[in-house]
Structure formats: structure tokens, C-alpha cells
Amino acid sequence: MAVVVTDQPSTFGNKLVLDTAPTNTAAANTTSAAGVFHMIEIDNSNYDTAVYVKIADSTSGTVGTTAATLVFYCPANTKQSYISSRGITFGAGFTHWCVTGAAQANTGAPLIPPTIRYVIATS
């Protein structure tokens, strides 16, 4: 097997968002800009219930009523990563929250919040 190294443009990700206690309260407009979503890591290794991290293309959001643009599932007691090879464009901004159910109406807060990190590029 050959090793292939590909140079990445410097705009691949110029912002790393770290939330050490995401809950069922929306963290509004985390980057203060529109941009391109590239990657998320959810560390739910300390909690015995699955969680769902939701990100909305919005400068604000109301958990339970705002529709998420992206929903990421992380099983109990695990760390999960998701990567978009080409990125997903957000026109308004990034607002995120974390709940214990996939449904839009779910507002259940995790008893032990995971740690989330996501990488985006803004202009």
C-alpha cells in the first residue's frame, strides 16, 4: 500500500469550537460568522446514555422547536467523530445544542454533558 499525502488549503478549518458542557440550551452563533462545517468529535465516554449533538444554520435557536441542519449521534460511553470531505456550507452561522433524543421536539438534557469539538472555516 502506498502512502499518499495531500496538501490542504489553509482555509480547511480556521476555527475550532470547543464546548466542554453542551446541554439542552442552544449555544448561539458560536463563530459569529457563516462558514463551512468540516468535522465534529463528540466525547461521550463518561455517560451511559446516548446523546445527539444538533447544529443549526442559524444565529440563534430554541431547543425543541428550531430545526437542526445537522444531527450527530454518539452512543453511550464512546467517542465518535464525523468528517465531511467537502464540507457543508452554513449561510447564517452556527448554533448548537446537545440532547438525549433524535426528534426535533426532544429537549432532554444529558446528565453528564459530553465534550464536543468541531472544525469550520469562516471567511
C-alpha atoms as a PDB file:
ATOM      1  CA  MET A   1       0.000   0.000   0.000  1.00  0.00           C
ATOM      2  CA  ALA A   2       1.328   3.405  -0.955  1.00  0.00           C
ATOM      3  CA  VAL A   3       1.247   6.403   1.317  1.00  0.00           C
ATOM      4  CA  VAL A   4      -0.411   9.469  -0.195  1.00  0.00           C
ATOM      5  CA  VAL A   5      -0.096  12.899   1.362  1.00  0.00           C
ATOM      6  CA  THR A   6      -2.295  15.668   0.026  1.00  0.00           C
ATOM      7  CA  ASP A   7      -1.743  19.316   0.857  1.00  0.00           C
ATOM      8  CA  GLN A   8      -4.836  21.009   2.231  1.00  0.00           C
ATOM      9  CA  PRO A   9      -5.788  24.619   1.637  1.00  0.00           C
ATOM     10  CA  SER A  10      -5.156  26.812   4.645  1.00  0.00           C
ATOM     11  CA  THR A  11      -8.889  27.577   4.799  1.00  0.00           C
ATOM     12  CA  PHE A  12      -9.780  23.949   5.574  1.00  0.00           C
ATOM     13  CA  GLY A  13     -10.528  24.967   9.122  1.00  0.00           C
ATOM     14  CA  ASN A  14      -9.653  28.236  10.742  1.00  0.00           C
ATOM     15  CA  LYS A  15     -11.916  27.861  13.786  1.00  0.00           C
ATOM     16  CA  LEU A  16     -12.074  25.076  16.328  1.00  0.00           C
ATOM     17  CA  VAL A  17     -15.167  25.221  18.507  1.00  0.00           C
ATOM     18  CA  LEU A  18     -14.804  23.528  21.901  1.00  0.00           C
ATOM     19  CA  ASP A  19     -17.759  23.080  24.242  1.00  0.00           C
ATOM     20  CA  THR A  20     -16.946  21.178  27.427  1.00  0.00           C
ATOM     21  CA  ALA A  21     -20.534  21.135  28.686  1.00  0.00           C
ATOM     22  CA  PRO A  22     -23.105  21.285  25.864  1.00  0.00           C
ATOM     23  CA  THR A  23     -26.655  20.974  27.139  1.00  0.00           C
ATOM     24  CA  ASN A  24     -30.235  21.478  26.028  1.00  0.00           C
ATOM     25  CA  THR A  25     -29.655  25.236  25.918  1.00  0.00           C
ATOM     26  CA  ALA A  26     -28.565  26.442  22.499  1.00  0.00           C
ATOM     27  CA  ALA A  27     -25.075  27.923  22.221  1.00  0.00           C
ATOM     28  CA  ALA A  28     -25.984  30.678  19.774  1.00  0.00           C
ATOM     29  CA  ASN A  29     -23.840  31.985  16.927  1.00  0.00           C
ATOM     30  CA  THR A  30     -20.696  30.302  18.226  1.00  0.00           C
ATOM     31  CA  THR A  31     -18.438  31.563  15.428  1.00  0.00           C
ATOM     32  CA  SER A  32     -20.134  34.913  14.769  1.00  0.00           C
ATOM     33  CA  ALA A  33     -19.989  34.134  11.044  1.00  0.00           C
ATOM     34  CA  ALA A  34     -21.209  31.875   8.294  1.00  0.00           C
ATOM     35  CA  GLY A  35     -18.811  29.226   7.072  1.00  0.00           C
ATOM     36  CA  VAL A  36     -18.159  25.639   6.074  1.00  0.00           C
ATOM     37  CA  PHE A  37     -18.512  22.761   8.538  1.00  0.00           C
ATOM     38  CA  HIS A  38     -15.795  20.087   8.230  1.00  0.00           C
ATOM     39  CA  MET A  39     -15.599  17.857  11.312  1.00  0.00           C
ATOM     40  CA  ILE A  40     -17.064  17.122  14.739  1.00  0.00           C
ATOM     41  CA  GLU A  41     -15.804  14.988  17.596  1.00  0.00           C
ATOM     42  CA  ILE A  42     -18.187  14.044  20.414  1.00  0.00           C
ATOM     43  CA  ASP A  43     -16.635  12.598  23.573  1.00  0.00           C
ATOM     44  CA  ASN A  44     -19.449  10.884  25.422  1.00  0.00           C
ATOM     45  CA  SER A  45     -17.163   8.386  27.144  1.00  0.00           C
ATOM     46  CA  ASN A  46     -18.278   9.351  30.665  1.00  0.00           C
ATOM     47  CA  TYR A  47     -22.039   8.984  30.210  1.00  0.00           C
ATOM     48  CA  ASP A  48     -24.098   5.809  29.977  1.00  0.00           C
ATOM     49  CA  THR A  49     -26.783   7.274  27.705  1.00  0.00           C
ATOM     50  CA  ALA A  50     -26.541   8.144  24.006  1.00  0.00           C
ATOM     51  CA  VAL A  51     -26.566  11.823  23.034  1.00  0.00           C
ATOM     52  CA  TYR A  52     -27.412  13.825  19.932  1.00  0.00           C
ATOM     53  CA  VAL A  53     -25.491  16.975  19.067  1.00  0.00           C
ATOM     54  CA  LYS A  54     -27.516  19.255  16.827  1.00  0.00           C
ATOM     55  CA  ILE A  55     -26.186  22.142  14.769  1.00  0.00           C
ATOM     56  CA  ALA A  56     -28.449  24.694  13.110  1.00  0.00           C
ATOM     57  CA  ASP A  57     -27.653  27.097  10.289  1.00  0.00           C
ATOM     58  CA  SER A  58     -28.793  29.988  12.421  1.00  0.00           C
ATOM     59  CA  THR A  59     -27.510  32.769  14.642  1.00  0.00           C
ATOM     60  CA  SER A  60     -29.851  31.575  17.414  1.00  0.00           C
ATOM     61  CA  GLY A  61     -32.079  28.649  18.252  1.00  0.00           C
ATOM     62  CA  THR A  62     -34.715  27.290  20.572  1.00  0.00           C
ATOM     63  CA  VAL A  63     -34.220  23.682  21.609  1.00  0.00           C
ATOM     64  CA  GLY A  64     -37.288  21.639  20.778  1.00  0.00           C
ATOM     65  CA  THR A  65     -38.542  23.975  18.048  1.00  0.00           C
ATOM     66  CA  THR A  66     -35.560  25.050  15.907  1.00  0.00           C
ATOM     67  CA  ALA A  67     -34.877  22.501  13.181  1.00  0.00           C
ATOM     68  CA  ALA A  68     -31.290  21.270  13.196  1.00  0.00           C
ATOM     69  CA  THR A  69     -29.387  21.336   9.925  1.00  0.00           C
ATOM     70  CA  LEU A  70     -27.145  18.505  11.130  1.00  0.00           C
ATOM     71  CA  VAL A  71     -27.754  15.883  13.839  1.00  0.00           C
ATOM     72  CA  PHE A  72     -24.893  13.739  15.161  1.00  0.00           C
ATOM     73  CA  TYR A  73     -25.426  10.602  17.234  1.00  0.00           C
ATOM     74  CA  CYS A  74     -22.929   9.411  19.830  1.00  0.00           C
ATOM     75  CA  PRO A  75     -23.566   6.125  21.643  1.00  0.00           C
ATOM     76  CA  ALA A  76     -23.162   5.784  25.402  1.00  0.00           C
ATOM     77  CA  ASN A  77     -19.635   5.508  26.773  1.00  0.00           C
ATOM     78  CA  THR A  78     -17.927   6.245  23.455  1.00  0.00           C
ATOM     79  CA  LYS A  79     -16.151   8.908  21.472  1.00  0.00           C
ATOM     80  CA  GLN A  80     -17.462   9.480  17.931  1.00  0.00           C
ATOM     81  CA  SER A  81     -16.151  11.598  15.043  1.00  0.00           C
ATOM     82  CA  TYR A  82     -17.815  12.668  11.816  1.00  0.00           C
ATOM     83  CA  ILE A  83     -15.961  14.234   8.890  1.00  0.00           C
ATOM     84  CA  SER A  84     -17.331  15.862   5.749  1.00  0.00           C
ATOM     85  CA  SER A  85     -14.738  15.571   2.987  1.00  0.00           C
ATOM     86  CA  ARG A  86     -16.000  18.585   1.046  1.00  0.00           C
ATOM     87  CA  GLY A  87     -17.626  20.480   3.878  1.00  0.00           C
ATOM     88  CA  ILE A  88     -21.178  21.658   4.440  1.00  0.00           C
ATOM     89  CA  THR A  89     -21.880  25.348   3.909  1.00  0.00           C
ATOM     90  CA  PHE A  90     -23.767  27.329   6.539  1.00  0.00           C
ATOM     91  CA  GLY A  91     -25.112  30.682   5.346  1.00  0.00           C
ATOM     92  CA  ALA A  92     -26.233  32.219   8.642  1.00  0.00           C
ATOM     93  CA  GLY A  93     -23.957  30.866  11.361  1.00  0.00           C
ATOM     94  CA  PHE A  94     -23.540  28.001  13.807  1.00  0.00           C
ATOM     95  CA  THR A  95     -25.782  27.330  16.790  1.00  0.00           C
ATOM     96  CA  HIS A  96     -25.500  24.007  18.618  1.00  0.00           C
ATOM     97  CA  TRP A  97     -27.032  22.054  21.497  1.00  0.00           C
ATOM     98  CA  CYS A  98     -26.997  18.530  22.924  1.00  0.00           C
ATOM     99  CA  VAL A  99     -29.990  16.392  23.895  1.00  0.00           C
ATOM    100  CA  THR A 100     -30.792  12.749  24.627  1.00  0.00           C
ATOM    101  CA  GLY A 101     -33.161  12.139  21.698  1.00  0.00           C
ATOM    102  CA  ALA A 102     -33.091  12.490  17.926  1.00  0.00           C
ATOM    103  CA  ALA A 103     -36.537  14.012  17.469  1.00  0.00           C
ATOM    104  CA  GLN A 104     -36.715  17.755  16.849  1.00  0.00           C
ATOM    105  CA  ALA A 105     -39.065  18.160  19.828  1.00  0.00           C
ATOM    106  CA  ASN A 106     -36.660  16.415  22.228  1.00  0.00           C
ATOM    107  CA  THR A 107     -35.394  18.711  24.973  1.00  0.00           C
ATOM    108  CA  GLY A 108     -33.860  16.149  27.352  1.00  0.00           C
ATOM    109  CA  ALA A 109     -30.526  17.313  28.725  1.00  0.00           C
ATOM    110  CA  PRO A 110     -27.721  14.814  29.261  1.00  0.00           C
ATOM    111  CA  LEU A 111     -26.997  14.306  32.961  1.00  0.00           C
ATOM    112  CA  ILE A 112     -23.281  14.321  32.184  1.00  0.00           C
ATOM    113  CA  PRO A 113     -22.620  16.547  29.153  1.00  0.00           C
ATOM    114  CA  PRO A 114     -20.136  15.298  26.567  1.00  0.00           C
ATOM    115  CA  THR A 115     -17.277  17.373  25.228  1.00  0.00           C
ATOM    116  CA  ILE A 116     -17.665  18.447  21.623  1.00  0.00           C
ATOM    117  CA  ARG A 117     -15.205  19.926  19.169  1.00  0.00           C
ATOM    118  CA  TYR A 118     -15.957  20.982  15.647  1.00  0.00           C
ATOM    119  CA  VAL A 119     -13.830  22.446  12.891  1.00  0.00           C
ATOM    120  CA  ILE A 120     -15.147  25.049  10.487  1.00  0.00           C
ATOM    121  CA  ALA A 121     -13.765  27.512   8.013  1.00  0.00           C
ATOM    122  CA  THR A 122     -15.069  31.059   8.003  1.00  0.00           C
ATOM    123  CA  SER A 123     -14.287  33.811   5.555  1.00  0.00           C
END
